[in-house]
PDB file of all heavy atoms in Angstrom:
ATOM      1  N   LEU A   1     -11.770   4.987  -5.866  1.00  0.00           N
ATOM      2  CA  LEU A   1     -11.796   5.519  -4.586  1.00  0.00           C
ATOM      3  C   LEU A   1     -11.668   4.442  -3.603  1.00  0.00           C
ATOM      4  O   LEU A   1     -10.841   4.431  -2.654  1.00  0.00           O
ATOM      5  CB  LEU A   1     -13.074   6.366  -4.250  1.00  0.00           C
ATOM      6  CG  LEU A   1     -13.115   7.548  -5.110  1.00  0.00           C
ATOM      7  CD1 LEU A   1     -14.464   8.344  -4.859  1.00  0.00           C
ATOM      8  CD2 LEU A   1     -12.058   8.549  -4.964  1.00  0.00           C
ATOM      9  N   LEU A   2     -12.430   3.395  -3.800  1.00  0.00           N
ATOM     10  CA  LEU A   2     -12.398   2.213  -2.905  1.00  0.00           C
ATOM     11  C   LEU A   2     -11.073   1.502  -3.010  1.00  0.00           C
ATOM     12  O   LEU A   2     -10.537   1.020  -2.005  1.00  0.00           O
ATOM     13  CB  LEU A   2     -13.631   1.204  -3.258  1.00  0.00           C
ATOM     14  CG  LEU A   2     -14.970   1.690  -2.897  1.00  0.00           C
ATOM     15  CD1 LEU A   2     -16.035   0.755  -3.475  1.00  0.00           C
ATOM     16  CD2 LEU A   2     -15.087   1.941  -1.469  1.00  0.00           C
ATOM     17  N   ALA A   3     -10.610   1.401  -4.146  1.00  0.00           N
ATOM     18  CA  ALA A   3      -9.223   0.688  -4.349  1.00  0.00           C
ATOM     19  C   ALA A   3      -8.148   1.394  -3.588  1.00  0.00           C
ATOM     20  O   ALA A   3      -7.280   0.826  -2.944  1.00  0.00           O
ATOM     21  CB  ALA A   3      -8.878   0.536  -5.775  1.00  0.00           C
ATOM     22  N   ALA A   4      -8.187   2.793  -3.756  1.00  0.00           N
ATOM     23  CA  ALA A   4      -7.289   3.588  -3.005  1.00  0.00           C
ATOM     24  C   ALA A   4      -7.442   3.401  -1.458  1.00  0.00           C
ATOM     25  O   ALA A   4      -6.437   3.366  -0.792  1.00  0.00           O
ATOM     26  CB  ALA A   4      -7.407   5.134  -3.400  1.00  0.00           C
ATOM     27  N   ALA A   5      -8.686   3.542  -1.067  1.00  0.00           N
ATOM     28  CA  ALA A   5      -9.025   3.310   0.402  1.00  0.00           C
ATOM     29  C   ALA A   5      -8.427   1.963   0.929  1.00  0.00           C
ATOM     30  O   ALA A   5      -7.958   1.889   1.976  1.00  0.00           O
ATOM     31  CB  ALA A   5     -10.432   3.475   0.661  1.00  0.00           C
ATOM     32  N   ALA A   6      -8.534   0.969   0.072  1.00  0.00           N
ATOM     33  CA  ALA A   6      -8.091  -0.349   0.480  1.00  0.00           C
ATOM     34  C   ALA A   6      -6.705  -0.429   0.631  1.00  0.00           C
ATOM     35  O   ALA A   6      -6.005  -0.897   1.567  1.00  0.00           O
ATOM     36  CB  ALA A   6      -8.546  -1.478  -0.527  1.00  0.00           C
ATOM     37  N   ALA A   7      -5.960   0.112  -0.330  1.00  0.00           N
ATOM     38  CA  ALA A   7      -4.497   0.209  -0.255  1.00  0.00           C
ATOM     39  C   ALA A   7      -4.015   0.918   0.927  1.00  0.00           C
ATOM     40  O   ALA A   7      -3.059   0.508   1.583  1.00  0.00           O
ATOM     41  CB  ALA A   7      -3.999   0.786  -1.579  1.00  0.00           C
ATOM     42  N   LEU A   8      -4.715   2.072   1.138  1.00  0.00           N
ATOM     43  CA  LEU A   8      -4.390   2.963   2.374  1.00  0.00           C
ATOM     44  C   LEU A   8      -4.542   2.221   3.601  1.00  0.00           C
ATOM     45  O   LEU A   8      -3.623   2.253   4.534  1.00  0.00           O
ATOM     46  CB  LEU A   8      -5.076   4.302   2.305  1.00  0.00           C
ATOM     47  CG  LEU A   8      -4.842   5.250   3.432  1.00  0.00           C
ATOM     48  CD1 LEU A   8      -3.403   5.731   3.397  1.00  0.00           C
ATOM     49  CD2 LEU A   8      -5.776   6.405   3.349  1.00  0.00           C
ATOM     50  N   ALA A   9      -5.707   1.551   3.735  1.00  0.00           N
ATOM     51  CA  ALA A   9      -5.975   0.749   4.894  1.00  0.00           C
ATOM     52  C   ALA A   9      -4.912  -0.307   5.159  1.00  0.00           C
ATOM     53  O   ALA A   9      -4.465  -0.511   6.303  1.00  0.00           O
ATOM     54  CB  ALA A   9      -7.379   0.103   4.779  1.00  0.00           C
ATOM     55  N   ILE A  10      -4.546  -1.141   4.113  1.00  0.00           N
ATOM     56  CA  ILE A  10      -3.488  -2.063   4.278  1.00  0.00           C
ATOM     57  C   ILE A  10      -2.156  -1.458   4.643  1.00  0.00           C
ATOM     58  O   ILE A  10      -1.413  -2.069   5.492  1.00  0.00           O
ATOM     59  CB  ILE A  10      -3.546  -3.023   3.019  1.00  0.00           C
ATOM     60  CG1 ILE A  10      -4.871  -3.737   2.922  1.00  0.00           C
ATOM     61  CG2 ILE A  10      -2.395  -3.989   3.111  1.00  0.00           C
ATOM     62  CD1 ILE A  10      -5.135  -4.431   1.601  1.00  0.00           C
ATOM     63  N   SER A  11      -1.804  -0.451   3.970  1.00  0.00           N
ATOM     64  CA  SER A  11      -0.470   0.143   4.242  1.00  0.00           C
ATOM     65  C   SER A  11      -0.365   0.814   5.546  1.00  0.00           C
ATOM     66  O   SER A  11       0.763   0.837   6.133  1.00  0.00           O
ATOM     67  CB  SER A  11      -0.213   1.277   3.132  1.00  0.00           C
ATOM     68  OG  SER A  11      -1.082   2.316   3.267  1.00  0.00           O
ATOM     69  N   ALA A  12      -1.553   1.085   6.030  1.00  0.00           N
ATOM     70  CA  ALA A  12      -1.667   1.695   7.479  1.00  0.00           C
ATOM     71  C   ALA A  12      -1.471   0.748   8.569  1.00  0.00           C
ATOM     72  O   ALA A  12      -1.498   1.053   9.822  1.00  0.00           O
ATOM     73  CB  ALA A  12      -2.853   2.552   7.593  1.00  0.00           C
ATOM     74  N   LEU A  13      -1.310  -0.594   8.344  1.00  0.00           N
ATOM     75  CA  LEU A  13      -1.262  -1.582   9.241  1.00  0.00           C
ATOM     76  C   LEU A  13       0.113  -1.366  10.025  1.00  0.00           C
ATOM     77  O   LEU A  13       1.102  -1.062   9.539  1.00  0.00           O
ATOM     78  CB  LEU A  13      -1.214  -3.020   8.695  1.00  0.00           C
ATOM     79  CG  LEU A  13      -2.639  -3.455   8.038  1.00  0.00           C
ATOM     80  CD1 LEU A  13      -2.307  -4.745   7.163  1.00  0.00           C
ATOM     81  CD2 LEU A  13      -3.577  -3.746   9.189  1.00  0.00           C
ATOM     82  N   PRO A  14       0.117  -1.547  11.418  1.00  0.00           N
ATOM     83  CA  PRO A  14       1.302  -1.409  12.127  1.00  0.00           C
ATOM     84  C   PRO A  14       2.111  -2.635  11.895  1.00  0.00           C
ATOM     85  O   PRO A  14       1.830  -3.726  11.795  1.00  0.00           O
ATOM     86  CB  PRO A  14       0.725  -1.389  13.602  1.00  0.00           C
ATOM     87  CG  PRO A  14      -0.612  -2.256  13.575  1.00  0.00           C
ATOM     88  CD  PRO A  14      -1.122  -1.993  12.284  1.00  0.00           C
ATOM     89  N   HIS A  15       3.412  -2.394  11.580  1.00  0.00           N
ATOM     90  CA  HIS A  15       4.372  -3.321  11.362  1.00  0.00           C
ATOM     91  C   HIS A  15       5.613  -3.355  12.425  1.00  0.00           C
ATOM     92  O   HIS A  15       6.425  -2.478  12.344  1.00  0.00           O
ATOM     93  CB  HIS A  15       5.050  -3.136  10.011  1.00  0.00           C
ATOM     94  CG  HIS A  15       3.984  -3.367   9.016  1.00  0.00           C
ATOM     95  ND1 HIS A  15       3.521  -4.632   8.505  1.00  0.00           N
ATOM     96  CD2 HIS A  15       3.329  -2.440   8.058  1.00  0.00           C
ATOM     97  CE1 HIS A  15       2.613  -4.410   7.428  1.00  0.00           C
ATOM     98  NE2 HIS A  15       2.501  -3.225   7.327  1.00  0.00           N
ATOM     99  N   ALA A  16       5.501  -4.343  13.278  1.00  0.00           N
ATOM    100  CA  ALA A  16       6.672  -4.436  14.192  1.00  0.00           C
ATOM    101  C   ALA A  16       7.768  -4.981  13.489  1.00  0.00           C
ATOM    102  O   ALA A  16       7.589  -5.639  12.388  1.00  0.00           O
ATOM    103  CB  ALA A  16       6.256  -5.247  15.408  1.00  0.00           C
ATOM    104  N   ALA A  17       8.993  -4.885  14.013  1.00  0.00           N
ATOM    105  CA  ALA A  17      10.189  -5.457  13.364  1.00  0.00           C
ATOM    106  C   ALA A  17       9.955  -7.032  13.125  1.00  0.00           C
ATOM    107  O   ALA A  17       9.771  -7.664  14.149  1.00  0.00           O
ATOM    108  CB  ALA A  17      11.369  -5.149  14.099  1.00  0.00           C
ATOM    109  N   GLY A  18      10.069  -7.460  11.922  1.00  0.00           N
ATOM    110  CA  GLY A  18       9.975  -8.867  11.692  1.00  0.00           C
ATOM    111  C   GLY A  18       8.594  -9.294  11.651  1.00  0.00           C
ATOM    112  O   GLY A  18       8.368 -10.540  11.460  1.00  0.00           O
ATOM    113  N   ALA A  19       7.526  -8.506  11.773  1.00  0.00           N
ATOM    114  CA  ALA A  19       6.199  -8.976  11.817  1.00  0.00           C
ATOM    115  C   ALA A  19       5.789  -9.262  10.427  1.00  0.00           C
ATOM    116  O   ALA A  19       6.202  -8.603   9.450  1.00  0.00           O
ATOM    117  CB  ALA A  19       5.281  -7.814  12.427  1.00  0.00           C
ATOM    118  N   LYS A  20       4.776 -10.282  10.249  1.00  0.00           N
ATOM    119  CA  LYS A  20       4.407 -10.725   9.047  1.00  0.00           C
ATOM    120  C   LYS A  20       2.844 -10.411   8.871  1.00  0.00           C
ATOM    121  O   LYS A  20       2.062 -10.729   9.720  1.00  0.00           O
ATOM    122  CB  LYS A  20       4.674 -12.201   8.889  1.00  0.00           C
ATOM    123  CG  LYS A  20       5.993 -12.583   8.932  1.00  0.00           C
ATOM    124  CD  LYS A  20       6.237 -14.106   8.919  1.00  0.00           C
ATOM    125  CE  LYS A  20       7.616 -14.571   8.997  1.00  0.00           C
ATOM    126  NZ  LYS A  20       7.818 -16.078   8.901  1.00  0.00           N
ATOM    127  N   THR A  21       2.540  -9.797   7.609  1.00  0.00           N
ATOM    128  CA  THR A  21       1.174  -9.546   7.249  1.00  0.00           C
ATOM    129  C   THR A  21       0.865 -10.352   6.070  1.00  0.00           C
ATOM    130  O   THR A  21       1.469 -10.219   4.964  1.00  0.00           O
ATOM    131  CB  THR A  21       0.994  -8.003   7.110  1.00  0.00           C
ATOM    132  OG1 THR A  21       1.095  -7.303   8.315  1.00  0.00           O
ATOM    133  CG2 THR A  21      -0.403  -7.734   6.589  1.00  0.00           C
ATOM    134  N   LEU A  22      -0.153 -11.085   6.151  1.00  0.00           N
ATOM    135  CA  LEU A  22      -0.738 -11.774   5.006  1.00  0.00           C
ATOM    136  C   LEU A  22      -2.064 -11.179   4.490  1.00  0.00           C
ATOM    137  O   LEU A  22      -2.848 -10.988   5.254  1.00  0.00           O
ATOM    138  CB  LEU A  22      -0.910 -13.283   5.247  1.00  0.00           C
ATOM    139  CG  LEU A  22      -1.335 -14.103   4.036  1.00  0.00           C
ATOM    140  CD1 LEU A  22      -0.564 -15.424   4.064  1.00  0.00           C
ATOM    141  CD2 LEU A  22      -2.829 -14.398   4.000  1.00  0.00           C
ATOM    142  N   VAL A  23      -2.127 -10.789   3.235  1.00  0.00           N
ATOM    143  CA  VAL A  23      -3.396 -10.143   2.647  1.00  0.00           C
ATOM    144  C   VAL A  23      -4.081 -11.132   1.780  1.00  0.00           C
ATOM    145  O   VAL A  23      -3.448 -11.668   0.813  1.00  0.00           O
ATOM    146  CB  VAL A  23      -3.168  -8.973   2.014  1.00  0.00           C
ATOM    147  CG1 VAL A  23      -4.302  -8.228   1.411  1.00  0.00           C
ATOM    148  CG2 VAL A  23      -2.303  -7.880   2.832  1.00  0.00           C
ATOM    149  N   TYR A  24      -5.240 -11.395   2.076  1.00  0.00           N
ATOM    150  CA  TYR A  24      -6.231 -12.261   1.148  1.00  0.00           C
ATOM    151  C   TYR A  24      -7.184 -11.462   0.389  1.00  0.00           C
ATOM    152  O   TYR A  24      -7.936 -10.635   0.977  1.00  0.00           O
ATOM    153  CB  TYR A  24      -6.884 -13.251   2.098  1.00  0.00           C
ATOM    154  CG  TYR A  24      -8.025 -14.116   1.478  1.00  0.00           C
ATOM    155  CD1 TYR A  24      -7.770 -14.753   0.258  1.00  0.00           C
ATOM    156  CD2 TYR A  24      -9.350 -13.915   1.947  1.00  0.00           C
ATOM    157  CE1 TYR A  24      -8.849 -15.421  -0.296  1.00  0.00           C
ATOM    158  CE2 TYR A  24     -10.401 -14.593   1.312  1.00  0.00           C
ATOM    159  CZ  TYR A  24     -10.088 -15.417   0.257  1.00  0.00           C
ATOM    160  OH  TYR A  24     -11.180 -16.003  -0.451  1.00  0.00           O
ATOM    161  N   CYS A  25      -7.041 -11.470  -0.869  1.00  0.00           N
ATOM    162  CA  CYS A  25      -8.025 -10.694  -1.686  1.00  0.00           C
ATOM    163  C   CYS A  25      -9.346 -11.591  -1.772  1.00  0.00           C
ATOM    164  O   CYS A  25      -9.431 -12.517  -2.530  1.00  0.00           O
ATOM    165  CB  CYS A  25      -7.435 -10.504  -3.174  1.00  0.00           C
ATOM    166  SG  CYS A  25      -6.462  -9.044  -3.166  1.00  0.00           S
ATOM    167  N   SER A  26     -10.279 -11.132  -1.020  1.00  0.00           N
ATOM    168  CA  SER A  26     -11.619 -11.861  -0.999  1.00  0.00           C
ATOM    169  C   SER A  26     -12.579 -11.259  -2.038  1.00  0.00           C
ATOM    170  O   SER A  26     -12.310 -10.163  -2.540  1.00  0.00           O
ATOM    171  CB  SER A  26     -12.260 -11.809   0.339  1.00  0.00           C
ATOM    172  OG  SER A  26     -12.643 -10.480   0.676  1.00  0.00           O
ATOM    173  N   GLU A  27     -13.641 -12.058  -2.310  1.00  0.00           N
ATOM    174  CA  GLU A  27     -14.496 -11.587  -3.342  1.00  0.00           C
ATOM    175  C   GLU A  27     -15.657 -10.761  -2.992  1.00  0.00           C
ATOM    176  O   GLU A  27     -16.423 -10.224  -3.791  1.00  0.00           O
ATOM    177  CB  GLU A  27     -15.079 -12.807  -4.118  1.00  0.00           C
ATOM    178  CG  GLU A  27     -16.138 -13.639  -3.407  1.00  0.00           C
ATOM    179  CD  GLU A  27     -15.563 -14.635  -2.302  1.00  0.00           C
ATOM    180  OE1 GLU A  27     -14.562 -14.359  -1.809  1.00  0.00           O
ATOM    181  OE2 GLU A  27     -16.302 -15.553  -1.948  1.00  0.00           O
TER     182      GLU A  27
END
């Protein structure tokens, strides 16, 4: 459930044209 929530939270980030999103998997 948490993994799915994390994926949903990240996919829900707003993406402007050409915008760059960097994701860091922290511990």
